[in-house]
């Protein structure tokens, strides 16, 4: 399982060095609290690109958190491609913001 914030942080960590080398600021925009509560579970199915809503109990708080099942590898790939291209085509002194809404 992975939260959206972890997915975006991983992309920032992966491309932070490239951004610094190019003189580009790579900024992670804080998520809305309700969005950061979504958890992704990886499931390989015939519909690999579909994210289906589910719910899972949160043991510490005894509440149900919203979750989505999908192909985490492809989700990482999409986010990384977007961040990579943004950094690659940004001009020195520019800023690339990583955000989810």
N, C-alpha and C. Protein backbone atom coordinates (compact mmCIF):
# COMPACT_ATOMS: atom_id res chain seq x y z
N UNK A 1 0.83 -1.20 0.00
CA UNK A 1 0.00 0.00 0.00
C UNK A 1 0.87 1.26 0.00
N UNK A 2 0.38 2.28 -0.62
CA UNK A 2 1.14 3.53 -0.73
C UNK A 2 0.18 4.73 -0.74
N UNK A 3 0.54 5.74 0.00
CA UNK A 3 -0.23 6.99 -0.02
C UNK A 3 0.26 7.86 -1.17
N UNK A 4 -0.60 8.75 -1.62
CA UNK A 4 -0.24 9.65 -2.73
C UNK A 4 0.98 10.48 -2.36
N UNK A 5 1.06 10.93 -1.11
CA UNK A 5 2.20 11.74 -0.70
C UNK A 5 3.51 10.96 -0.86
N UNK A 6 3.50 9.66 -0.60
CA UNK A 6 4.70 8.85 -0.76
C UNK A 6 5.09 8.72 -2.23
N UNK A 7 4.11 8.59 -3.09
CA UNK A 7 4.35 8.49 -4.52
C UNK A 7 5.00 9.76 -5.05
N UNK A 8 4.48 10.90 -4.65
CA UNK A 8 5.01 12.18 -5.12
C UNK A 8 6.39 12.46 -4.51
N UNK A 9 6.57 12.11 -3.25
CA UNK A 9 7.87 12.29 -2.59
C UNK A 9 8.93 11.44 -3.28
N UNK A 10 8.58 10.23 -3.68
CA UNK A 10 9.52 9.35 -4.38
C UNK A 10 9.94 9.98 -5.71
N UNK A 11 9.01 10.61 -6.41
CA UNK A 11 9.35 11.28 -7.67
C UNK A 11 10.28 12.46 -7.41
N UNK A 12 10.02 13.22 -6.35
CA UNK A 12 10.89 14.34 -6.03
C UNK A 12 12.30 13.85 -5.66
N UNK A 13 12.36 12.79 -4.90
CA UNK A 13 13.67 12.23 -4.52
C UNK A 13 14.42 11.71 -5.74
N UNK A 14 13.71 11.09 -6.66
CA UNK A 14 14.33 10.53 -7.86
C UNK A 14 14.90 11.60 -8.77
N UNK A 15 14.18 12.70 -8.95
CA UNK A 15 14.58 13.71 -9.93
C UNK A 15 15.15 14.99 -9.31
N UNK A 16 15.30 15.00 -7.99
CA UNK A 16 15.86 16.17 -7.31
C UNK A 16 17.27 16.49 -7.76
N UNK A 17 18.11 15.47 -7.92
CA UNK A 17 19.49 15.69 -8.35
C UNK A 17 19.57 16.25 -9.76
N UNK A 18 18.75 15.73 -10.66
CA UNK A 18 18.71 16.23 -12.03
C UNK A 18 18.26 17.69 -12.05
N UNK A 19 17.24 18.00 -11.26
CA UNK A 19 16.74 19.38 -11.20
C UNK A 19 17.82 20.32 -10.68
N UNK A 20 18.50 19.94 -9.63
CA UNK A 20 19.56 20.77 -9.07
C UNK A 20 20.67 20.99 -10.09
N UNK A 21 21.06 19.93 -10.78
CA UNK A 21 22.12 20.04 -11.78
C UNK A 21 21.73 21.00 -12.91
N UNK A 22 20.45 21.08 -13.23
CA UNK A 22 19.98 21.99 -14.28
C UNK A 22 19.67 23.39 -13.77
N UNK A 23 19.71 23.58 -12.46
CA UNK A 23 19.37 24.88 -11.89
C UNK A 23 17.87 25.10 -11.82
N UNK A 24 17.12 24.01 -11.72
CA UNK A 24 15.65 24.06 -11.66
C UNK A 24 15.22 23.72 -10.23
N UNK A 25 14.27 24.46 -9.71
CA UNK A 25 13.71 24.17 -8.39
C UNK A 25 12.61 23.14 -8.55
N UNK A 26 12.71 22.04 -7.82
CA UNK A 26 11.68 21.00 -7.84
C UNK A 26 10.92 21.10 -6.54
N UNK A 27 9.65 21.47 -6.62
CA UNK A 27 8.84 21.78 -5.44
C UNK A 27 7.70 20.79 -5.29
N UNK A 28 7.55 20.25 -4.11
CA UNK A 28 6.44 19.35 -3.80
C UNK A 28 5.35 20.15 -3.11
N UNK A 29 4.19 20.26 -3.74
CA UNK A 29 3.07 21.03 -3.20
C UNK A 29 2.32 20.16 -2.19
N UNK A 30 2.10 20.68 -0.96
CA UNK A 30 1.37 19.89 0.04
C UNK A 30 -0.02 19.50 -0.46
N UNK A 31 -0.44 18.30 -0.11
CA UNK A 31 -1.74 17.78 -0.52
C UNK A 31 -2.83 18.24 0.43
N UNK A 32 -4.04 18.30 -0.10
CA UNK A 32 -5.20 18.53 0.75
C UNK A 32 -5.33 17.32 1.68
N UNK A 33 -5.72 17.53 2.95
CA UNK A 33 -5.78 16.42 3.90
C UNK A 33 -6.62 15.24 3.42
N UNK A 34 -7.75 15.52 2.76
CA UNK A 34 -8.61 14.42 2.32
C UNK A 34 -7.94 13.61 1.20
N UNK A 35 -7.11 14.24 0.38
CA UNK A 35 -6.44 13.53 -0.70
C UNK A 35 -5.30 12.68 -0.16
N UNK A 36 -4.63 13.15 0.87
CA UNK A 36 -3.52 12.38 1.42
C UNK A 36 -3.99 11.15 2.19
N UNK A 37 -5.28 11.05 2.44
CA UNK A 37 -5.81 9.88 3.13
C UNK A 37 -6.04 8.71 2.17
N UNK A 38 -5.98 8.95 0.86
CA UNK A 38 -6.20 7.87 -0.11
C UNK A 38 -4.98 6.97 -0.16
N UNK A 39 -5.22 5.67 -0.12
CA UNK A 39 -4.15 4.67 -0.15
C UNK A 39 -4.32 3.83 -1.41
N UNK A 40 -3.21 3.59 -2.13
CA UNK A 40 -3.24 2.75 -3.32
C UNK A 40 -2.73 1.36 -2.99
N UNK A 41 -3.43 0.37 -3.47
CA UNK A 41 -3.00 -1.02 -3.37
C UNK A 41 -2.75 -1.53 -4.77
N UNK A 42 -1.61 -2.16 -4.99
CA UNK A 42 -1.28 -2.68 -6.30
C UNK A 42 -1.98 -4.00 -6.57
N UNK A 43 -2.66 -4.07 -7.69
CA UNK A 43 -3.28 -5.31 -8.14
C UNK A 43 -3.07 -5.43 -9.63
N UNK A 44 -2.52 -6.53 -10.05
CA UNK A 44 -2.36 -6.77 -11.48
C UNK A 44 -3.59 -7.48 -12.00
N UNK A 45 -4.29 -6.82 -12.89
CA UNK A 45 -5.49 -7.40 -13.49
C UNK A 45 -5.41 -7.14 -14.99
N UNK A 46 -6.42 -7.58 -15.68
CA UNK A 46 -6.49 -7.28 -17.11
C UNK A 46 -6.71 -5.79 -17.34
N UNK A 47 -7.29 -5.13 -16.38
CA UNK A 47 -7.54 -3.69 -16.48
C UNK A 47 -6.50 -2.96 -15.67
N UNK A 48 -5.25 -3.02 -16.08
CA UNK A 48 -4.14 -2.51 -15.29
C UNK A 48 -4.18 -1.01 -15.04
N UNK A 49 -4.85 -0.27 -15.89
CA UNK A 49 -4.84 1.18 -15.73
C UNK A 49 -6.02 1.67 -14.90
N UNK A 50 -6.90 0.79 -14.52
CA UNK A 50 -8.08 1.21 -13.76
C UNK A 50 -7.74 1.32 -12.28
N UNK A 51 -8.18 2.38 -11.66
CA UNK A 51 -8.08 2.53 -10.20
C UNK A 51 -9.49 2.43 -9.65
N UNK A 52 -9.74 1.42 -8.86
CA UNK A 52 -11.08 1.20 -8.35
C UNK A 52 -11.15 1.61 -6.88
N UNK A 53 -12.21 2.33 -6.50
CA UNK A 53 -12.32 2.72 -5.09
C UNK A 53 -12.66 1.52 -4.21
N UNK A 54 -12.01 1.46 -3.08
CA UNK A 54 -12.25 0.45 -2.05
C UNK A 54 -12.16 1.17 -0.71
N UNK A 55 -12.29 0.44 0.36
CA UNK A 55 -12.02 1.03 1.66
C UNK A 55 -11.30 -0.01 2.51
N UNK A 56 -10.49 0.47 3.40
CA UNK A 56 -9.73 -0.42 4.27
C UNK A 56 -9.73 0.15 5.68
N UNK A 57 -9.82 -0.69 6.69
CA UNK A 57 -9.82 -0.16 8.06
C UNK A 57 -8.44 0.34 8.47
N UNK A 58 -8.42 1.44 9.16
CA UNK A 58 -7.18 2.00 9.70
C UNK A 58 -7.10 1.55 11.15
N UNK A 59 -6.19 0.65 11.43
CA UNK A 59 -6.10 0.06 12.77
C UNK A 59 -5.91 1.10 13.87
N UNK A 60 -4.96 2.06 13.74
CA UNK A 60 -4.77 3.00 14.86
C UNK A 60 -5.98 3.86 15.17
N UNK A 61 -6.72 4.29 14.13
CA UNK A 61 -7.82 5.23 14.40
C UNK A 61 -9.19 4.58 14.30
N UNK A 62 -9.25 3.29 13.93
CA UNK A 62 -10.51 2.55 13.86
C UNK A 62 -11.50 3.15 12.87
N UNK A 63 -11.00 3.87 11.88
CA UNK A 63 -11.87 4.42 10.84
C UNK A 63 -11.53 3.75 9.51
N UNK A 64 -12.41 3.92 8.56
CA UNK A 64 -12.17 3.38 7.23
C UNK A 64 -11.55 4.45 6.36
N UNK A 65 -10.43 4.11 5.73
CA UNK A 65 -9.75 5.06 4.84
C UNK A 65 -10.07 4.72 3.39
N UNK A 66 -10.21 5.73 2.54
CA UNK A 66 -10.46 5.45 1.13
C UNK A 66 -9.21 4.86 0.48
N UNK A 67 -9.41 3.84 -0.33
CA UNK A 67 -8.29 3.22 -1.02
C UNK A 67 -8.65 3.02 -2.49
N UNK A 68 -7.63 2.82 -3.30
CA UNK A 68 -7.82 2.50 -4.72
C UNK A 68 -6.92 1.33 -5.06
N UNK A 69 -7.43 0.44 -5.88
CA UNK A 69 -6.62 -0.68 -6.35
C UNK A 69 -6.23 -0.40 -7.80
N UNK A 70 -4.99 -0.61 -8.12
CA UNK A 70 -4.53 -0.38 -9.48
C UNK A 70 -3.12 -0.91 -9.65
N UNK A 71 -2.53 -0.64 -10.76
CA UNK A 71 -1.18 -1.10 -11.05
C UNK A 71 -0.19 -0.03 -10.56
N UNK A 72 0.41 -0.25 -9.39
CA UNK A 72 1.31 0.74 -8.81
C UNK A 72 2.53 0.99 -9.68
N UNK A 73 3.01 -0.03 -10.37
CA UNK A 73 4.15 0.15 -11.26
C UNK A 73 3.82 1.16 -12.35
N UNK A 74 2.65 1.04 -12.94
CA UNK A 74 2.25 1.97 -14.01
C UNK A 74 2.00 3.37 -13.45
N UNK A 75 1.45 3.44 -12.26
CA UNK A 75 1.21 4.74 -11.63
C UNK A 75 2.53 5.45 -11.37
N UNK A 76 3.52 4.73 -10.83
CA UNK A 76 4.86 5.29 -10.64
C UNK A 76 5.43 5.76 -11.98
N UNK A 77 5.26 4.93 -12.99
CA UNK A 77 5.80 5.24 -14.31
C UNK A 77 5.19 6.53 -14.86
N UNK A 78 3.89 6.70 -14.72
CA UNK A 78 3.22 7.92 -15.21
C UNK A 78 3.71 9.16 -14.48
N UNK A 79 3.78 9.09 -13.16
CA UNK A 79 4.24 10.24 -12.37
C UNK A 79 5.69 10.55 -12.71
N UNK A 80 6.54 9.53 -12.76
CA UNK A 80 7.95 9.75 -13.07
C UNK A 80 8.15 10.32 -14.47
N UNK A 81 7.39 9.85 -15.44
CA UNK A 81 7.51 10.40 -16.79
C UNK A 81 7.13 11.88 -16.82
N UNK A 82 6.06 12.23 -16.11
CA UNK A 82 5.63 13.64 -16.08
C UNK A 82 6.66 14.54 -15.42
N UNK A 83 7.20 14.10 -14.29
CA UNK A 83 8.20 14.90 -13.58
C UNK A 83 9.49 14.98 -14.39
N UNK A 84 9.91 13.86 -14.94
CA UNK A 84 11.13 13.83 -15.75
C UNK A 84 11.04 14.79 -16.93
N UNK A 85 9.94 14.73 -17.66
CA UNK A 85 9.78 15.63 -18.81
C UNK A 85 9.71 17.09 -18.38
N UNK A 86 9.06 17.36 -17.27
CA UNK A 86 8.97 18.74 -16.79
C UNK A 86 10.34 19.30 -16.44
N UNK A 87 11.15 18.49 -15.76
CA UNK A 87 12.50 18.94 -15.41
C UNK A 87 13.35 19.07 -16.67
N UNK A 88 13.23 18.11 -17.56
CA UNK A 88 14.05 18.11 -18.78
C UNK A 88 13.80 19.38 -19.62
N UNK A 89 12.55 19.81 -19.72
CA UNK A 89 12.23 20.94 -20.58
C UNK A 89 12.13 22.27 -19.84
N UNK A 90 12.35 22.28 -18.54
CA UNK A 90 12.34 23.53 -17.77
C UNK A 90 13.64 24.29 -18.02
N UNK A 91 13.55 25.59 -18.03
CA UNK A 91 14.75 26.42 -18.21
C UNK A 91 15.42 26.63 -16.86
N UNK A 92 16.73 26.84 -16.90
CA UNK A 92 17.48 27.12 -15.67
C UNK A 92 16.84 28.30 -14.95
N UNK A 93 16.71 28.17 -13.65
CA UNK A 93 16.06 29.22 -12.86
C UNK A 93 14.57 29.02 -12.74
N UNK A 94 14.02 28.04 -13.45
CA UNK A 94 12.59 27.78 -13.41
C UNK A 94 12.21 26.88 -12.25
N UNK A 95 10.93 26.66 -12.10
CA UNK A 95 10.40 25.82 -11.01
C UNK A 95 9.46 24.79 -11.59
N UNK A 96 9.60 23.56 -11.14
CA UNK A 96 8.68 22.49 -11.47
C UNK A 96 7.96 22.14 -10.17
N UNK A 97 6.63 22.21 -10.19
CA UNK A 97 5.83 21.88 -9.01
C UNK A 97 5.19 20.51 -9.20
N UNK A 98 5.32 19.67 -8.20
CA UNK A 98 4.70 18.35 -8.22
C UNK A 98 3.48 18.44 -7.32
N UNK A 99 2.31 18.19 -7.90
CA UNK A 99 1.07 18.28 -7.12
C UNK A 99 0.05 17.27 -7.59
N UNK A 100 -0.88 16.95 -6.74
CA UNK A 100 -2.01 16.09 -7.08
C UNK A 100 -3.27 16.76 -6.60
N UNK A 101 -4.33 16.64 -7.39
CA UNK A 101 -5.61 17.21 -6.97
C UNK A 101 -6.73 16.26 -7.32
